[in-house]
Amino acid sequence: MAPREDGSYLVPSQFVEMWKDQSDGGGRDQIKQLWNQVGGDKEAFKATAKKRVESVQESDLWVDGKFMSEKNMVEEGFEPKDRYEKHVNVYWVEEQMVAALTN
């Protein structure tokens, strides 16, 4: 798997890293298996590689919060205005936000 003249590859960077893994059943073997599955068709291989990478990388976002009245928000030190549109009142307070990228 050689890079183009500009140093980029035709496949996602994850496949380049997989290709370096020459262990038995490792990344290189998985790539060869995929190549055989698409019958050696270069375009089908690129499309399948891209789909696999996109389906493997998913992100999750959890937001914990609560609804509050304007009075309670002020009492607890929150601004009852939208962060971006100051003329809009909000009644939701985000207490915690957690994000994760899963493979």
N, C-alpha and C. Protein backbone atom coordinates (compact mmCIF):
# COMPACT_ATOMS: atom_id res chain seq x y z
N MET A 1 0.86 -1.16 0.00
CA MET A 1 0.00 0.00 0.00
C MET A 1 0.91 1.23 0.00
N ALA A 2 1.08 1.79 -1.15
CA ALA A 2 1.99 2.92 -1.30
C ALA A 2 1.21 4.24 -1.37
N PRO A 3 1.78 5.30 -0.81
CA PRO A 3 1.10 6.59 -0.87
C PRO A 3 1.19 7.21 -2.26
N ARG A 4 0.30 8.17 -2.51
CA ARG A 4 0.37 8.96 -3.73
C ARG A 4 1.58 9.89 -3.64
N GLU A 5 1.82 10.62 -4.70
CA GLU A 5 2.95 11.56 -4.71
C GLU A 5 2.85 12.60 -3.60
N ASP A 6 1.61 13.03 -3.29
CA ASP A 6 1.43 14.05 -2.26
C ASP A 6 1.42 13.47 -0.84
N GLY A 7 1.60 12.14 -0.72
CA GLY A 7 1.66 11.50 0.59
C GLY A 7 0.34 10.97 1.09
N SER A 8 -0.76 11.27 0.39
CA SER A 8 -2.06 10.78 0.81
C SER A 8 -2.28 9.36 0.27
N TYR A 9 -3.33 8.73 0.76
CA TYR A 9 -3.67 7.37 0.34
C TYR A 9 -5.07 7.36 -0.25
N LEU A 10 -5.37 6.32 -1.04
CA LEU A 10 -6.70 6.17 -1.63
C LEU A 10 -7.70 5.63 -0.62
N VAL A 11 -7.21 5.06 0.48
CA VAL A 11 -8.07 4.46 1.49
C VAL A 11 -7.98 5.27 2.79
N PRO A 12 -8.94 5.09 3.69
CA PRO A 12 -8.89 5.80 4.97
C PRO A 12 -7.63 5.47 5.76
N SER A 13 -7.19 6.41 6.58
CA SER A 13 -5.94 6.24 7.34
C SER A 13 -5.98 5.02 8.25
N GLN A 14 -7.17 4.62 8.70
CA GLN A 14 -7.27 3.43 9.55
C GLN A 14 -6.82 2.19 8.78
N PHE A 15 -7.09 2.14 7.49
CA PHE A 15 -6.67 1.00 6.69
C PHE A 15 -5.16 1.00 6.49
N VAL A 16 -4.57 2.17 6.39
CA VAL A 16 -3.11 2.26 6.28
C VAL A 16 -2.48 1.68 7.54
N GLU A 17 -3.03 2.04 8.71
CA GLU A 17 -2.52 1.51 9.97
C GLU A 17 -2.75 0.00 10.07
N MET A 18 -3.92 -0.45 9.63
CA MET A 18 -4.21 -1.89 9.65
C MET A 18 -3.21 -2.65 8.80
N TRP A 19 -2.83 -2.07 7.66
CA TRP A 19 -1.91 -2.74 6.74
C TRP A 19 -0.56 -3.01 7.40
N LYS A 20 -0.19 -2.17 8.33
CA LYS A 20 1.10 -2.34 9.03
C LYS A 20 1.09 -3.53 9.99
N ASP A 21 -0.09 -3.98 10.39
CA ASP A 21 -0.23 -5.10 11.32
C ASP A 21 -0.14 -6.41 10.55
N GLN A 22 1.03 -7.04 10.59
CA GLN A 22 1.26 -8.26 9.83
C GLN A 22 1.08 -9.52 10.66
N SER A 23 0.51 -9.39 11.86
CA SER A 23 0.30 -10.57 12.70
C SER A 23 -0.73 -11.49 12.05
N ASP A 24 -0.71 -12.76 12.45
CA ASP A 24 -1.63 -13.74 11.90
C ASP A 24 -3.07 -13.34 12.22
N GLY A 25 -3.89 -13.13 11.21
CA GLY A 25 -5.26 -12.69 11.40
C GLY A 25 -5.38 -11.20 11.69
N GLY A 26 -4.28 -10.48 11.60
CA GLY A 26 -4.25 -9.05 11.90
C GLY A 26 -4.81 -8.20 10.78
N GLY A 27 -4.47 -6.93 10.84
CA GLY A 27 -5.02 -5.96 9.90
C GLY A 27 -4.76 -6.26 8.45
N ARG A 28 -3.53 -6.67 8.13
CA ARG A 28 -3.22 -6.94 6.73
C ARG A 28 -4.05 -8.11 6.21
N ASP A 29 -4.21 -9.16 7.03
CA ASP A 29 -5.03 -10.30 6.61
C ASP A 29 -6.48 -9.88 6.42
N GLN A 30 -6.98 -8.99 7.27
CA GLN A 30 -8.36 -8.51 7.15
C GLN A 30 -8.55 -7.72 5.86
N ILE A 31 -7.55 -6.91 5.52
CA ILE A 31 -7.62 -6.12 4.29
C ILE A 31 -7.59 -7.04 3.07
N LYS A 32 -6.73 -8.05 3.11
CA LYS A 32 -6.66 -9.01 1.99
C LYS A 32 -7.98 -9.75 1.84
N GLN A 33 -8.61 -10.08 2.97
CA GLN A 33 -9.90 -10.77 2.93
C GLN A 33 -10.96 -9.86 2.29
N LEU A 34 -10.96 -8.59 2.64
CA LEU A 34 -11.89 -7.64 2.05
C LEU A 34 -11.64 -7.50 0.54
N TRP A 35 -10.37 -7.43 0.17
CA TRP A 35 -10.00 -7.33 -1.25
C TRP A 35 -10.57 -8.52 -2.03
N ASN A 36 -10.46 -9.71 -1.45
CA ASN A 36 -10.99 -10.91 -2.10
C ASN A 36 -12.51 -10.88 -2.16
N GLN A 37 -13.15 -10.34 -1.12
CA GLN A 37 -14.61 -10.26 -1.09
C GLN A 37 -15.17 -9.40 -2.22
N VAL A 38 -14.44 -8.34 -2.57
CA VAL A 38 -14.92 -7.45 -3.64
C VAL A 38 -14.36 -7.86 -5.00
N GLY A 39 -13.71 -9.01 -5.05
CA GLY A 39 -13.22 -9.54 -6.31
C GLY A 39 -12.10 -8.74 -6.92
N GLY A 40 -11.32 -8.05 -6.09
CA GLY A 40 -10.20 -7.27 -6.59
C GLY A 40 -10.60 -5.98 -7.30
N ASP A 41 -11.84 -5.57 -7.15
CA ASP A 41 -12.32 -4.33 -7.77
C ASP A 41 -11.90 -3.15 -6.92
N LYS A 42 -11.02 -2.31 -7.47
CA LYS A 42 -10.43 -1.19 -6.73
C LYS A 42 -11.48 -0.21 -6.22
N GLU A 43 -12.44 0.17 -7.06
CA GLU A 43 -13.46 1.13 -6.66
C GLU A 43 -14.38 0.55 -5.59
N ALA A 44 -14.74 -0.72 -5.73
CA ALA A 44 -15.58 -1.36 -4.73
C ALA A 44 -14.84 -1.47 -3.40
N PHE A 45 -13.54 -1.74 -3.48
CA PHE A 45 -12.73 -1.83 -2.27
C PHE A 45 -12.69 -0.50 -1.54
N LYS A 46 -12.43 0.59 -2.27
CA LYS A 46 -12.38 1.93 -1.65
C LYS A 46 -13.72 2.28 -1.01
N ALA A 47 -14.81 2.01 -1.72
CA ALA A 47 -16.14 2.34 -1.19
C ALA A 47 -16.45 1.52 0.06
N THR A 48 -16.10 0.23 0.04
CA THR A 48 -16.35 -0.63 1.19
C THR A 48 -15.49 -0.21 2.37
N ALA A 49 -14.23 0.14 2.11
CA ALA A 49 -13.34 0.58 3.18
C ALA A 49 -13.89 1.84 3.85
N LYS A 50 -14.36 2.77 3.04
CA LYS A 50 -14.91 4.01 3.58
C LYS A 50 -16.14 3.74 4.42
N LYS A 51 -17.03 2.86 3.93
CA LYS A 51 -18.24 2.53 4.68
C LYS A 51 -17.90 1.88 6.01
N ARG A 52 -16.91 0.99 6.00
CA ARG A 52 -16.53 0.31 7.24
C ARG A 52 -16.00 1.29 8.27
N VAL A 53 -15.17 2.22 7.84
CA VAL A 53 -14.61 3.19 8.77
C VAL A 53 -15.71 4.08 9.33
N GLU A 54 -16.63 4.52 8.46
CA GLU A 54 -17.72 5.38 8.92
C GLU A 54 -18.64 4.65 9.88
N SER A 55 -18.89 3.38 9.64
CA SER A 55 -19.80 2.64 10.51
C SER A 55 -19.15 2.27 11.84
N VAL A 56 -17.83 2.20 11.86
CA VAL A 56 -17.12 1.84 13.09
C VAL A 56 -17.01 3.04 14.02
N GLN A 57 -16.84 4.21 13.48
CA GLN A 57 -16.69 5.40 14.30
C GLN A 57 -18.04 6.06 14.53
N GLU A 58 -18.54 5.91 15.72
CA GLU A 58 -19.80 6.54 16.09
C GLU A 58 -19.55 7.38 17.32
N SER A 59 -20.27 8.44 17.41
CA SER A 59 -20.12 9.26 18.61
C SER A 59 -21.44 9.29 19.36
N ASP A 60 -21.31 9.29 20.66
CA ASP A 60 -22.47 9.36 21.53
C ASP A 60 -22.35 10.62 22.36
N LEU A 61 -23.48 11.24 22.61
CA LEU A 61 -23.50 12.44 23.43
C LEU A 61 -24.65 12.32 24.42
N TRP A 62 -24.31 12.41 25.69
CA TRP A 62 -25.32 12.38 26.74
C TRP A 62 -25.35 13.73 27.41
N VAL A 63 -26.55 14.27 27.58
CA VAL A 63 -26.71 15.56 28.25
C VAL A 63 -27.67 15.35 29.41
N ASP A 64 -27.17 15.58 30.61
CA ASP A 64 -28.02 15.53 31.80
C ASP A 64 -28.40 16.96 32.16
N GLY A 65 -29.65 17.13 32.48
CA GLY A 65 -30.10 18.46 32.86
C GLY A 65 -31.49 18.41 33.44
N LYS A 66 -32.05 19.57 33.61
CA LYS A 66 -33.40 19.64 34.16
C LYS A 66 -34.09 20.92 33.71
N PHE A 67 -35.41 20.86 33.73
CA PHE A 67 -36.21 22.04 33.44
C PHE A 67 -36.38 22.84 34.73
N MET A 68 -36.33 24.16 34.61
CA MET A 68 -36.47 25.03 35.77
C MET A 68 -37.27 26.27 35.38
N SER A 69 -37.92 26.87 36.35
CA SER A 69 -38.59 28.14 36.11
C SER A 69 -37.52 29.24 36.05
N GLU A 70 -37.89 30.38 35.49
CA GLU A 70 -36.94 31.51 35.44
C GLU A 70 -36.50 31.89 36.85
N LYS A 71 -37.45 31.90 37.77
CA LYS A 71 -37.14 32.27 39.15
C LYS A 71 -36.11 31.31 39.76
N ASN A 72 -36.34 29.99 39.59
CA ASN A 72 -35.40 29.00 40.13
C ASN A 72 -34.03 29.09 39.46
N MET A 73 -34.00 29.38 38.18
CA MET A 73 -32.73 29.51 37.47
C MET A 73 -31.91 30.66 38.07
N VAL A 74 -32.56 31.79 38.26
CA VAL A 74 -31.87 32.95 38.83
C VAL A 74 -31.39 32.63 40.24
N GLU A 75 -32.26 31.99 41.04
CA GLU A 75 -31.89 31.64 42.41
C GLU A 75 -30.68 30.71 42.47
N GLU A 76 -30.55 29.81 41.48
CA GLU A 76 -29.44 28.86 41.47
C GLU A 76 -28.25 29.37 40.66
N GLY A 77 -28.32 30.60 40.21
CA GLY A 77 -27.18 31.21 39.54
C GLY A 77 -27.06 30.96 38.05
N PHE A 78 -28.15 30.53 37.42
CA PHE A 78 -28.13 30.30 35.97
C PHE A 78 -28.76 31.49 35.26
N GLU A 79 -28.32 31.75 34.07
CA GLU A 79 -28.88 32.81 33.22
C GLU A 79 -30.03 32.21 32.41
N PRO A 80 -31.26 32.71 32.58
CA PRO A 80 -32.39 32.13 31.86
C PRO A 80 -32.48 32.58 30.40
N LYS A 81 -31.37 32.88 29.79
CA LYS A 81 -31.34 33.30 28.39
C LYS A 81 -30.52 32.30 27.59
N ASP A 82 -30.89 32.13 26.34
CA ASP A 82 -30.16 31.24 25.46
C ASP A 82 -28.72 31.72 25.31
N ARG A 83 -27.80 30.79 25.23
CA ARG A 83 -26.37 31.11 25.13
C ARG A 83 -26.04 31.90 23.87
N TYR A 84 -26.75 31.63 22.79
CA TYR A 84 -26.42 32.25 21.51
C TYR A 84 -27.42 33.31 21.08
N GLU A 85 -28.66 33.14 21.46
CA GLU A 85 -29.71 34.10 21.10
C GLU A 85 -30.25 34.70 22.40
N LYS A 86 -29.66 35.78 22.82
CA LYS A 86 -29.96 36.36 24.13
C LYS A 86 -31.41 36.81 24.30
N HIS A 87 -32.13 37.00 23.20
CA HIS A 87 -33.53 37.41 23.31
C HIS A 87 -34.47 36.22 23.56
N VAL A 88 -33.93 35.00 23.58
CA VAL A 88 -34.73 33.79 23.77
C VAL A 88 -34.57 33.29 25.21
N ASN A 89 -35.69 33.09 25.89
CA ASN A 89 -35.66 32.52 27.23
C ASN A 89 -35.55 31.00 27.14
N VAL A 90 -34.78 30.42 28.04
CA VAL A 90 -34.67 28.96 28.10
C VAL A 90 -35.10 28.49 29.48
N TYR A 91 -35.56 27.27 29.53
CA TYR A 91 -36.02 26.70 30.78
C TYR A 91 -35.35 25.35 31.04
N TRP A 92 -34.24 25.12 30.37
CA TRP A 92 -33.49 23.87 30.49
C TRP A 92 -32.07 24.20 30.93
N VAL A 93 -31.60 23.52 31.95
CA VAL A 93 -30.24 23.73 32.44
C VAL A 93 -29.45 22.46 32.20
N GLU A 94 -28.34 22.58 31.48
CA GLU A 94 -27.47 21.43 31.26
C GLU A 94 -26.54 21.31 32.46
N GLU A 95 -26.66 20.20 33.16
CA GLU A 95 -25.82 20.00 34.34
C GLU A 95 -24.53 19.26 34.00
N GLN A 96 -24.62 18.33 33.07
CA GLN A 96 -23.43 17.56 32.70
C GLN A 96 -23.58 17.11 31.25
N MET A 97 -22.46 17.15 30.52
CA MET A 97 -22.45 16.69 29.15
C MET A 97 -21.28 15.72 29.00
N VAL A 98 -21.56 14.54 28.43
CA VAL A 98 -20.53 13.52 28.24
C VAL A 98 -20.56 13.09 26.79
N ALA A 99 -19.41 13.05 26.16
CA ALA A 99 -19.30 12.61 24.78
C ALA A 99 -18.31 11.46 24.70
N ALA A 100 -18.58 10.53 23.79
CA ALA A 100 -17.69 9.39 23.61
C ALA A 100 -17.65 9.00 22.15
N LEU A 101 -16.46 8.64 21.69
CA LEU A 101 -16.28 8.11 20.34
C LEU A 101 -16.06 6.62 20.49
N THR A 102 -16.97 5.84 19.91
CA THR A 102 -16.86 4.39 20.04
C THR A 102 -16.35 3.78 18.75
N ASN A 103 -15.66 2.69 18.89
CA ASN A 103 -15.15 1.96 17.73
C ASN A 103 -15.90 0.67 17.54
